[in-house]
Amino acid sequence: MSEGIELIVFPVGDLDGAKAVFGTLLGGQPYVDAPYYVGYRVGAVEVGLDPSGHARGLTAPVAYTGVPDISARLGALVESGAEIVQEPTDVGGGKLVAVLRDRDGNLLGLTQNP
C-alpha cells in the first residue's frame, strides 16, 4: 500500500534563480536551504529543488510515493516493466529514495522513511 505522494523534486540548473521563483510561487522561505538541496513544506508534501538532478539523468520533476518497503516495491515495479534510474539511496537520517522510469519514459520516485 502506498502512503501517498510525499515529495516532488524539481531538477534545477540555477539554484538561486529557482529559489526566487519557487519562494514566490509557494509564498514562503525554504525550511532546508543547502547548496545540494532546497526544500519547502507545502501542506503534507515537500517540494524540493535539486541542483544535481540533471547530472543524474532527471529531466523533469519527480513525484515520490511513500512506501513501507522500498526494496519490495522497487522489485515489483521492475517486474511490471519499469527500469531503475537510481537505486535506493540514503539521503540522510535513514530516508531512502529511488527513481524508476516507466514504459513511457515517465520518472517515478519512491521514498521510505526510517
Protein backbone atom coordinates (compact mmCIF):
# COMPACT_ATOMS: atom_id res chain seq x y z
CA MET A 1 0.00 0.00 0.00
CA SER A 2 1.21 3.48 -0.84
CA GLU A 3 1.49 6.22 1.74
CA GLY A 4 0.73 8.83 -0.97
CA ILE A 5 2.83 11.43 -2.73
CA GLU A 6 5.20 12.85 -0.12
CA LEU A 7 7.78 14.67 -2.17
CA ILE A 8 8.11 16.35 -5.57
CA VAL A 9 11.65 17.19 -6.66
CA PHE A 10 12.49 19.56 -9.50
CA PRO A 11 15.94 19.31 -11.11
CA VAL A 12 17.29 22.85 -11.47
CA GLY A 13 20.30 24.38 -13.19
CA ASP A 14 20.27 27.73 -11.35
CA LEU A 15 19.53 27.10 -7.68
CA ASP A 16 19.36 30.77 -6.69
CA GLY A 17 17.03 31.58 -9.59
CA ALA A 18 14.85 28.57 -8.78
CA LYS A 19 14.66 29.61 -5.10
CA ALA A 20 13.41 33.05 -6.17
CA VAL A 21 10.71 31.55 -8.40
CA PHE A 22 9.60 28.79 -6.00
CA GLY A 23 9.68 31.11 -2.98
CA THR A 24 7.29 33.41 -4.85
CA LEU A 25 5.17 30.52 -6.14
CA LEU A 26 4.86 28.83 -2.74
CA GLY A 27 4.71 32.05 -0.72
CA GLY A 28 7.49 31.36 1.74
CA GLN A 29 11.05 30.52 2.57
CA PRO A 30 12.56 27.03 2.36
CA TYR A 31 12.91 25.02 5.56
CA VAL A 32 16.07 23.39 4.11
CA ASP A 33 18.44 25.67 2.23
CA ALA A 34 21.71 23.95 1.37
CA PRO A 35 23.93 24.04 -1.73
CA TYR A 36 22.91 20.44 -2.56
CA TYR A 37 19.14 20.70 -1.88
CA VAL A 38 16.42 23.24 -1.09
CA GLY A 39 13.13 22.08 0.41
CA TYR A 40 9.77 23.75 1.02
CA ARG A 41 6.85 22.38 3.04
CA VAL A 42 3.50 22.73 1.27
CA GLY A 43 0.88 21.08 3.46
CA ALA A 44 1.79 17.41 3.75
CA VAL A 45 4.03 17.50 0.64
CA GLU A 46 7.63 18.59 0.37
CA VAL A 47 8.70 20.45 -2.77
CA GLY A 48 12.42 20.12 -3.41
CA LEU A 49 14.95 21.72 -5.72
CA ASP A 50 17.88 19.50 -6.75
CA PRO A 51 20.82 21.26 -8.44
CA SER A 52 22.45 17.91 -9.30
CA GLY A 53 19.29 16.32 -10.69
CA HIS A 54 20.16 16.91 -14.34
CA ALA A 55 23.57 15.28 -13.84
CA ARG A 56 21.78 12.18 -12.51
CA GLY A 57 19.51 11.96 -15.56
CA LEU A 58 16.43 13.72 -14.18
CA THR A 59 14.81 15.71 -16.96
CA ALA A 60 11.51 16.62 -15.29
CA PRO A 61 10.00 16.85 -11.82
CA VAL A 62 9.78 13.53 -9.98
CA ALA A 63 6.90 12.74 -7.62
CA TYR A 64 7.99 10.41 -4.84
CA THR A 65 5.45 7.99 -3.39
CA GLY A 66 5.97 6.92 0.20
CA VAL A 67 6.21 3.15 0.65
CA PRO A 68 6.85 0.98 3.72
CA ASP A 69 9.37 -1.31 1.94
CA ILE A 70 11.29 0.36 -0.88
CA SER A 71 13.11 -2.83 -1.94
CA ALA A 72 9.89 -4.82 -2.33
CA ARG A 73 8.13 -2.05 -4.25
CA LEU A 74 11.19 -1.49 -6.48
CA GLY A 75 11.25 -5.20 -7.33
CA ALA A 76 7.52 -5.25 -8.11
CA LEU A 77 7.84 -2.20 -10.36
CA VAL A 78 10.79 -3.69 -12.26
CA GLU A 79 8.79 -6.88 -12.69
CA SER A 80 5.92 -4.83 -14.13
CA GLY A 81 8.21 -3.25 -16.73
CA ALA A 82 9.79 -0.22 -15.03
CA GLU A 83 13.53 0.41 -15.30
CA ILE A 84 15.71 1.56 -12.40
CA VAL A 85 17.28 5.00 -12.87
CA GLN A 86 18.59 5.41 -9.30
CA GLU A 87 18.97 2.55 -6.83
CA PRO A 88 17.73 3.18 -3.27
CA THR A 89 19.97 5.82 -1.75
CA ASP A 90 20.11 7.10 1.84
CA VAL A 91 19.67 10.87 1.58
CA GLY A 92 20.15 11.44 5.30
CA GLY A 93 18.79 10.16 8.56
CA GLY A 94 17.92 6.78 7.07
CA LYS A 95 15.46 8.18 4.49
CA LEU A 96 15.76 6.16 1.28
CA VAL A 97 14.85 7.35 -2.22
CA ALA A 98 14.88 5.58 -5.59
CA VAL A 99 13.88 6.61 -9.12
CA LEU A 100 12.46 4.46 -11.92
CA ARG A 101 11.33 5.07 -15.50
CA ASP A 102 8.03 3.60 -16.65
CA ARG A 103 7.42 2.15 -20.12
CA ASP A 104 6.53 5.62 -21.45
CA GLY A 105 9.67 7.30 -20.11
CA ASN A 106 7.99 8.95 -17.11
CA LEU A 107 10.09 9.17 -13.97
CA LEU A 108 8.64 7.62 -10.80
CA GLY A 109 10.08 8.15 -7.35
CA LEU A 110 9.88 6.02 -4.23
CA THR A 111 10.69 7.12 -0.69
CA GLN A 112 10.89 5.14 2.52
CA ASN A 113 11.10 6.90 5.86
CA PRO A 114 13.24 5.38 8.61
